[in-house]
Every structure is written in C-alpha cells, then in structure tokens.
Amino acid sequence: MNIMVVRNDKLGDFITALPTLYVLKHHNPQNRIIALVAPLNRKLAEACDFIDEVIVDSGEDILELAFKIKQARIDASITLFSNTRVALAQWIARIPLRIAPSTKIAQIFYNRRITQRRSEVKMAEFEYNLQLARALFPDISLEFPKPLLPFKDADEVYRAFCTEYEISKGVVAFHPGFGGSSDANWTLNEYIELVRLAEADERLDVVMTFGPDEEKLYEEAKTLLGESRVVLYRSVGSVVDFAKLLSRFKLFISTSTGTYHLASAVGCETFTFFADTLFASSARWKSIGEKQRHYMIPLNPEGRAVMFEKVKQELKNRLLELV
C-alpha cells in the first residue's frame, strides 16, 4: 500500500510527524511510505529509514503539486496539518482515501474526516498525529523507539567537530535563536548570563549554536561574550548534519522551536522554555523523546525577573547532575 503523510510546514512540526511515519511503516513493512514535506525538511526525511519516498512541496501551483502527488500512485493519504491548497491538490490527484482532521474549509476535499479539536490540547501534537494513523489501521501499534533518529556516522561527525573546535569534554549547548516560531524566549543578554553559568564549570565545554540565517545574532553574541572559552558555532550544513552533532551533546538549552524537537528526536537531553499559554505549552509541544530527559519550563511574562532567577538555579542544578 502506498501511503502519503503530509506535514509540509516547519522543522519542529515535521518532527512531530515522524512517529506517525514510523508506525505506518512498521505496521506492515510492505507499506510504501511517502512524505510530503517543505524544502527545509527534505534531507531529514530522506535520512529516515522508515520513509521510502519524499515529495517536496516547493510552493508550486495546485495543478503542479497534484501532478507530483499523482506520479507517486498513492492509495491513501494522511494529512496531519491541512490547508486548502494541499487538500485540493490531493483531490485533483484522485487519491482514493484521503484522511485529515475535520477542521477548516479544507476538510471538504477529504473523504475521511477525524474530529480532534487540537485547540483543547488533550494530548501533545505528535500524539494527535499518531491518532490519525488509527483512522487507516485501527489495530496499529503507536509505539516507537526513543530516540527515533539514530545516525551511524554521528561519532565520526562529532569527532571532527571536537577536533576543529578543540573540544575535549562533554558539551552543553545553548541555542538563543528561534526563527519566529516560539512565543517565549529570553533575550540574548539573558542567554549570555546562562552561558556564563555553564562556562564557570571547567568540567564542561560550552557551545552556542546559530542557524545559517542568524549571522547578526552570532555577531552580537560574539561581542557580548568578549574573551571567553565558549565556542560559537554557526550551522551552515543541512539539518541532518546538525542533528548528528546534537545527538552527541550532553544538554541542549533553547526555547521551544525546531532545534529543540530535533535534539529530542536524536536523544539529546533538553532544557526548554515554553510560553505560559495552552496553545504554545509543553503539554502541546512536548518532545518525542524520553520524558525524563526533557526539562520543560513555562515562562510567565508577568514574573519574568523571578522566573529568570528560578531558571538560573534550575540550570545550575542540572549542570551539577551532568558531571
């Protein structure tokens, strides 16, 4: 059976789809699993051994997208997050069974609509995604391994990184950027204060990571740090390259954004800041990794100063447990 799973939005959103892709493949290894993804996520999708084919949604018009989909000879599709363009393209492509949540006007183009009411946050995003797999296979197991994304050559990539940056101890990494995808984050100055806490422990190496489009943030951090043993690392390779590094870090500190989800998927422990709202909460966006390895902190804007002192103390405690 050729099954297409649609999650063509941001990095973190796509990672919440990975458990669904995994269980569909392992329910019956004969299933051919096709992922429809955004260009950003193409290489990560191609690196997953439970995804057989990747269709990239490059933003082309509906007919062009429908043609791409039709070429894959899909028997059933599961659209985890829909919009009218994607829904109509699948209808034009004449996919026999089209499954999606029954939300928005786009639902009229699907022939199996599932009521979920995700705004109520009765479960996490990845759990809602998994539930849609049951609309296709009622007896499917929703269990998946943690970490979900092992990389055979991660040690080699990490050794090269350590050699280049003269790293010899366990790495604690801070990622101050968020690409506009988070509702709660600290300022760069506040991140620098947290970084100084980790830098003070000589038993750890400290890295600040930046995305390829965060050059300005990188330069600002460099200026604020001045003379420091902290490594500033700009990730200019693919998401997969960065994932391999993350899989060997001891701890990854960031707001709730795509890199947090990536870290959890590869088994890195996380220390993550969430908005104090239901929509952007840890209840909705908790990671797909082991619960005990992911520390989640809601940020209350009204008590920011008090909360920051709490965060500093919690981070000190966590650092002590690492070494």
Protein backbone atom coordinates (compact mmCIF):
# COMPACT_ATOMS: atom_id res chain seq x y z
CA MET A 1 0.00 0.00 0.00
CA ASN A 2 1.36 3.43 -0.96
CA ILE A 3 0.66 5.83 1.93
CA MET A 4 1.42 9.54 1.80
CA VAL A 5 1.80 11.51 5.04
CA VAL A 6 1.56 15.28 4.70
CA ARG A 7 3.39 17.60 7.08
CA ASN A 8 4.80 20.37 4.91
CA ASP A 9 5.42 23.10 7.47
CA LYS A 10 8.32 23.93 9.83
CA LEU A 11 11.07 21.71 11.22
CA GLY A 12 9.52 21.13 14.64
CA ASP A 13 6.12 20.38 13.13
CA PHE A 14 7.66 17.81 10.78
CA ILE A 15 9.46 16.10 13.66
CA THR A 16 6.12 15.67 15.43
CA ALA A 17 5.07 13.69 12.33
CA LEU A 18 7.99 11.25 12.46
CA PRO A 19 6.39 8.83 14.96
CA THR A 20 3.36 8.54 12.64
CA LEU A 21 5.57 7.79 9.66
CA TYR A 22 7.47 5.21 11.71
CA VAL A 23 4.40 3.30 12.96
CA LEU A 24 2.84 3.21 9.49
CA LYS A 25 5.99 1.62 8.08
CA HIS A 26 6.37 -0.86 10.91
CA HIS A 27 2.71 -1.85 10.91
CA ASN A 28 3.45 -3.52 7.61
CA PRO A 29 6.97 -3.25 6.12
CA GLN A 30 5.41 -3.74 2.69
CA ASN A 31 3.75 -0.34 3.00
CA ARG A 32 5.48 2.27 0.88
CA ILE A 33 5.64 5.44 2.98
CA ILE A 34 5.79 8.74 1.13
CA ALA A 35 6.32 12.03 2.99
CA LEU A 36 5.17 15.36 1.57
CA VAL A 37 7.46 17.94 3.18
CA ALA A 38 8.71 21.52 2.94
CA PRO A 39 12.11 22.03 1.23
CA LEU A 40 13.78 22.62 4.61
CA ASN A 41 12.92 19.09 5.74
CA ARG A 42 13.81 17.16 2.58
CA LYS A 43 17.23 15.90 3.72
CA LEU A 44 15.96 14.92 7.15
CA ALA A 45 13.08 12.98 5.58
CA GLU A 46 15.49 11.27 3.18
CA ALA A 47 17.67 10.22 6.12
CA CYS A 48 14.81 8.33 7.81
CA ASP A 49 14.89 4.60 7.03
CA PHE A 50 11.12 4.37 7.58
CA ILE A 51 10.38 6.83 4.75
CA ASP A 52 10.60 5.34 1.27
CA GLU A 53 10.00 8.42 -0.87
CA VAL A 54 9.98 12.17 -0.35
CA ILE A 55 7.84 14.66 -2.26
CA VAL A 56 8.92 18.26 -1.75
CA ASP A 57 6.23 20.92 -1.69
CA SER A 58 8.10 23.87 -3.18
CA GLY A 59 5.08 26.14 -3.21
CA GLU A 60 4.16 25.44 -6.82
CA ASP A 61 0.60 25.95 -8.02
CA ILE A 62 -2.11 23.41 -7.19
CA LEU A 63 -2.02 21.61 -10.53
CA GLU A 64 1.76 21.15 -10.41
CA LEU A 65 1.55 19.81 -6.86
CA ALA A 66 -1.31 17.49 -7.86
CA PHE A 67 0.83 16.15 -10.71
CA LYS A 68 3.71 15.41 -8.31
CA ILE A 69 1.35 13.56 -6.00
CA LYS A 70 -0.33 11.62 -8.81
CA GLN A 71 3.05 10.34 -10.02
CA ALA A 72 3.53 8.54 -6.68
CA ARG A 73 0.41 6.36 -7.26
CA ILE A 74 -0.84 6.87 -3.72
CA ASP A 75 -3.54 4.61 -2.26
CA ALA A 76 -4.19 6.59 0.92
CA SER A 77 -3.05 9.87 2.40
CA ILE A 78 -2.95 11.13 5.98
CA THR A 79 -2.73 14.91 6.18
CA LEU A 80 -1.58 15.85 9.65
CA PHE A 81 -1.95 19.58 9.08
CA SER A 82 -4.01 20.79 6.17
CA ASN A 83 -4.72 23.86 4.10
CA THR A 84 -7.00 24.29 1.10
CA ARG A 85 -4.17 24.17 -1.46
CA VAL A 86 -2.82 20.81 -0.23
CA ALA A 87 -6.30 19.36 0.20
CA LEU A 88 -7.41 20.36 -3.30
CA ALA A 89 -4.20 19.01 -4.86
CA GLN A 90 -4.88 15.60 -3.32
CA TRP A 91 -8.48 15.67 -4.57
CA ILE A 92 -7.30 16.52 -8.10
CA ALA A 93 -4.72 13.71 -7.88
CA ARG A 94 -7.62 11.33 -7.15
CA ILE A 95 -6.15 9.64 -4.10
CA PRO A 96 -8.78 7.00 -3.21
CA LEU A 97 -8.65 7.52 0.58
CA ARG A 98 -7.84 10.94 1.98
CA ILE A 99 -7.69 11.25 5.80
CA ALA A 100 -7.40 14.53 7.71
CA PRO A 101 -8.65 16.32 10.83
CA SER A 102 -12.11 17.81 10.32
CA THR A 103 -11.06 21.44 10.61
CA LYS A 104 -11.21 24.46 8.31
CA ILE A 105 -12.83 24.65 4.90
CA ALA A 106 -10.16 22.27 3.52
CA GLN A 107 -11.97 19.31 5.08
CA ILE A 108 -14.48 19.20 2.23
CA PHE A 109 -11.76 17.72 -0.03
CA TYR A 110 -11.13 14.74 2.26
CA ASN A 111 -13.32 11.64 2.35
CA ARG A 112 -12.43 10.50 5.87
CA ARG A 113 -12.52 13.34 8.38
CA ILE A 114 -11.49 12.85 12.00
CA THR A 115 -12.68 15.16 14.81
CA GLN A 116 -9.75 16.08 17.05
CA ARG A 117 -10.16 19.64 18.42
CA ARG A 118 -6.43 20.13 18.91
CA SER A 119 -7.00 23.56 20.46
CA GLU A 120 -8.21 21.75 23.61
CA VAL A 121 -4.72 20.20 23.97
CA LYS A 122 -5.91 16.91 25.41
CA MET A 123 -2.67 15.39 24.15
CA ALA A 124 0.57 16.50 22.51
CA GLU A 125 0.85 17.38 18.82
CA PHE A 126 2.72 14.18 17.97
CA GLU A 127 0.06 12.16 19.79
CA TYR A 128 -2.73 13.78 17.77
CA ASN A 129 -0.74 12.89 14.65
CA LEU A 130 -0.44 9.28 15.76
CA GLN A 131 -4.18 9.04 16.32
CA LEU A 132 -4.76 9.75 12.62
CA ALA A 133 -2.83 6.56 11.76
CA ARG A 134 -5.60 4.64 13.55
CA ALA A 135 -8.11 6.04 11.07
CA LEU A 136 -6.31 3.96 8.45
CA PHE A 137 -5.32 0.93 10.57
CA PRO A 138 -7.47 0.57 13.72
CA ASP A 139 -5.19 -2.13 15.14
CA ILE A 140 -1.91 -0.28 14.55
CA SER A 141 0.61 -0.10 17.41
CA LEU A 142 1.53 3.50 18.20
CA GLU A 143 4.79 2.59 19.95
CA PHE A 144 8.05 3.94 18.54
CA PRO A 145 11.70 3.85 19.68
CA LYS A 146 13.32 6.66 21.65
CA PRO A 147 15.50 8.13 20.32
CA LEU A 148 13.79 7.78 16.99
CA LEU A 149 16.64 9.05 14.81
CA PRO A 150 19.96 7.25 15.31
CA PHE A 151 22.79 8.09 12.88
CA LYS A 152 25.52 5.52 12.27
CA ASP A 153 28.17 8.11 11.42
CA ALA A 154 27.36 10.54 14.25
CA ASP A 155 30.52 9.67 16.19
CA GLU A 156 32.68 10.46 13.17
CA VAL A 157 30.95 13.81 12.62
CA TYR A 158 31.26 14.67 16.31
CA ARG A 159 34.97 13.79 16.42
CA ALA A 160 35.63 16.13 13.51
CA PHE A 161 33.68 18.88 15.28
CA CYS A 162 35.66 18.36 18.50
CA THR A 163 38.96 18.45 16.65
CA GLU A 164 38.08 21.67 14.81
CA TYR A 165 36.94 23.49 17.96
CA GLU A 166 39.37 21.89 20.45
CA ILE A 167 36.61 20.30 22.50
CA SER A 168 37.62 17.58 24.94
CA LYS A 169 34.77 17.46 27.47
CA GLY A 170 31.04 16.90 27.45
CA VAL A 171 29.20 19.66 25.58
CA VAL A 172 26.42 21.84 26.91
CA ALA A 173 24.90 23.82 24.04
CA PHE A 174 22.77 26.95 24.04
CA HIS A 175 20.62 27.98 21.08
CA PRO A 176 19.32 31.56 21.54
CA GLY A 177 17.57 31.84 18.17
CA PHE A 178 14.07 30.68 17.38
CA GLY A 179 13.20 31.75 13.84
CA GLY A 180 9.98 33.39 14.99
CA SER A 181 8.44 30.01 15.82
CA SER A 182 8.29 30.38 19.59
CA ASP A 183 6.11 32.51 21.85
CA ALA A 184 8.56 32.51 24.75
CA ASN A 185 12.26 33.19 24.84
CA TRP A 186 14.92 35.05 26.76
CA THR A 187 16.89 37.97 25.35
CA LEU A 188 20.40 37.40 24.07
CA ASN A 189 21.79 39.17 27.16
CA GLU A 190 19.87 36.76 29.37
CA TYR A 191 21.18 33.79 27.38
CA ILE A 192 24.72 35.09 27.85
CA GLU A 193 24.10 35.13 31.60
CA LEU A 194 23.01 31.49 31.45
CA VAL A 195 26.02 30.65 29.27
CA ARG A 196 28.34 32.17 31.89
CA LEU A 197 26.92 29.79 34.47
CA ALA A 198 27.90 26.81 32.35
CA GLU A 199 31.25 28.32 31.37
CA ALA A 200 32.18 28.57 35.05
CA ASP A 201 32.24 24.76 35.29
CA GLU A 202 35.61 23.69 33.93
CA ARG A 203 34.41 20.08 33.63
CA LEU A 204 32.18 21.01 30.67
CA ASP A 205 32.71 22.58 27.26
CA VAL A 206 30.14 25.18 26.27
CA VAL A 207 28.85 25.86 22.76
CA MET A 208 26.42 28.46 21.44
CA THR A 209 24.75 27.35 18.21
CA PHE A 210 23.26 29.52 15.47
CA GLY A 211 21.35 28.76 12.32
CA PRO A 212 22.63 29.70 8.85
CA ASP A 213 20.40 32.80 8.77
CA GLU A 214 21.38 34.03 12.26
CA GLU A 215 24.62 35.81 11.39
CA LYS A 216 23.55 39.03 13.14
CA LEU A 217 22.71 37.13 16.33
CA TYR A 218 26.04 35.31 16.06
CA GLU A 219 27.97 38.58 15.80
CA GLU A 220 26.06 40.11 18.71
CA ALA A 221 26.81 37.10 20.91
CA LYS A 222 30.48 37.24 19.93
CA THR A 223 30.65 40.88 21.03
CA LEU A 224 28.81 40.28 24.30
CA LEU A 225 30.99 37.30 25.24
CA GLY A 226 34.32 39.01 24.60
CA GLU A 227 37.22 36.91 25.85
CA SER A 228 35.68 33.53 26.54
CA ARG A 229 36.24 29.80 26.16
CA VAL A 230 32.69 29.44 24.79
CA VAL A 231 32.59 28.07 21.24
CA LEU A 232 30.30 29.93 18.83
CA TYR A 233 29.13 27.56 16.12
CA ARG A 234 27.19 28.52 13.01
CA SER A 235 25.40 25.55 11.48
CA VAL A 236 25.82 26.04 7.74
CA GLY A 237 25.25 22.44 6.67
CA SER A 238 21.99 20.53 6.46
CA VAL A 239 19.56 19.79 9.27
CA VAL A 240 20.91 16.23 9.24
CA ASP A 241 24.47 17.46 9.84
CA PHE A 242 23.30 19.45 12.85
CA ALA A 243 21.22 16.52 14.12
CA LYS A 244 24.33 14.33 14.21
CA LEU A 245 26.12 16.86 16.41
CA LEU A 246 23.12 17.25 18.69
CA SER A 247 22.98 13.50 19.22
CA ARG A 248 26.37 13.66 20.96
CA PHE A 249 25.83 16.80 23.08
CA LYS A 250 25.14 16.35 26.80
CA LEU A 251 22.46 19.04 27.08
CA PHE A 252 20.70 21.43 24.69
CA ILE A 253 19.18 24.64 26.08
CA SER A 254 16.73 26.60 23.95
CA THR A 255 13.21 27.85 23.60
CA SER A 256 10.52 25.58 22.13
CA THR A 257 11.49 25.63 18.47
CA GLY A 258 12.53 23.26 15.71
CA THR A 259 16.01 22.65 17.10
CA TYR A 260 14.53 21.55 20.44
CA HIS A 261 12.40 18.95 18.66
CA LEU A 262 15.42 17.87 16.64
CA ALA A 263 17.51 17.42 19.79
CA SER A 264 14.82 15.28 21.40
CA ALA A 265 14.47 13.11 18.28
CA VAL A 266 18.18 12.23 18.32
CA GLY A 267 18.37 11.57 22.06
CA CYS A 268 20.00 14.72 23.39
CA GLU A 269 18.75 15.88 26.78
CA THR A 270 16.92 19.22 26.60
CA PHE A 271 16.21 22.18 28.87
CA THR A 272 13.44 24.09 27.15
CA PHE A 273 11.43 27.29 27.63
CA PHE A 274 7.72 27.34 26.77
CA ALA A 275 5.07 30.04 26.68
CA ASP A 276 2.63 30.08 29.57
CA THR A 277 -0.35 29.58 27.24
CA LEU A 278 -2.19 26.39 26.31
CA PHE A 279 -1.57 26.81 22.57
CA ALA A 280 2.22 27.08 22.97
CA SER A 281 2.58 24.99 26.12
CA SER A 282 4.75 21.98 26.88
CA ALA A 283 1.53 19.95 27.07
CA ARG A 284 1.01 20.52 23.34
CA TRP A 285 4.62 20.64 22.16
CA LYS A 286 6.34 18.13 24.42
CA SER A 287 9.12 16.24 22.71
CA ILE A 288 9.02 12.82 21.09
CA GLY A 289 11.93 11.72 23.28
CA GLU A 290 12.08 10.09 26.71
CA LYS A 291 10.09 12.23 29.14
CA GLN A 292 12.69 12.09 31.93
CA ARG A 293 15.36 13.52 29.63
CA HIS A 294 13.49 16.71 28.78
CA TYR A 295 13.10 19.50 31.33
CA MET A 296 10.29 21.90 30.37
CA ILE A 297 9.88 25.39 31.85
CA PRO A 298 6.82 27.63 31.27
CA LEU A 299 7.66 31.33 31.13
CA ASN A 300 5.27 33.78 32.76
CA PRO A 301 5.81 37.29 31.30
CA GLU A 302 4.39 38.95 34.44
CA GLY A 303 7.01 37.37 36.65
CA ARG A 304 9.95 37.45 34.25
CA ALA A 305 12.63 38.55 36.73
CA VAL A 306 11.60 36.00 39.33
CA MET A 307 11.32 33.28 36.70
CA PHE A 308 14.80 34.04 35.36
CA GLU A 309 16.31 33.57 38.82
CA LYS A 310 14.50 30.25 39.05
CA VAL A 311 15.82 29.22 35.64
CA LYS A 312 19.38 30.03 36.67
CA GLN A 313 19.04 27.90 39.79
CA GLU A 314 17.45 25.01 37.89
CA LEU A 315 20.20 25.16 35.27
CA LYS A 316 22.89 25.11 37.98
CA ASN A 317 21.29 22.01 39.44
CA ARG A 318 21.09 20.32 36.06
CA LEU A 319 24.71 21.10 35.24
CA LEU A 320 25.83 19.57 38.53
CA GLU A 321 24.00 16.35 37.62
CA LEU A 322 25.74 16.17 34.24
CA VAL A 323 29.30 15.98 35.54
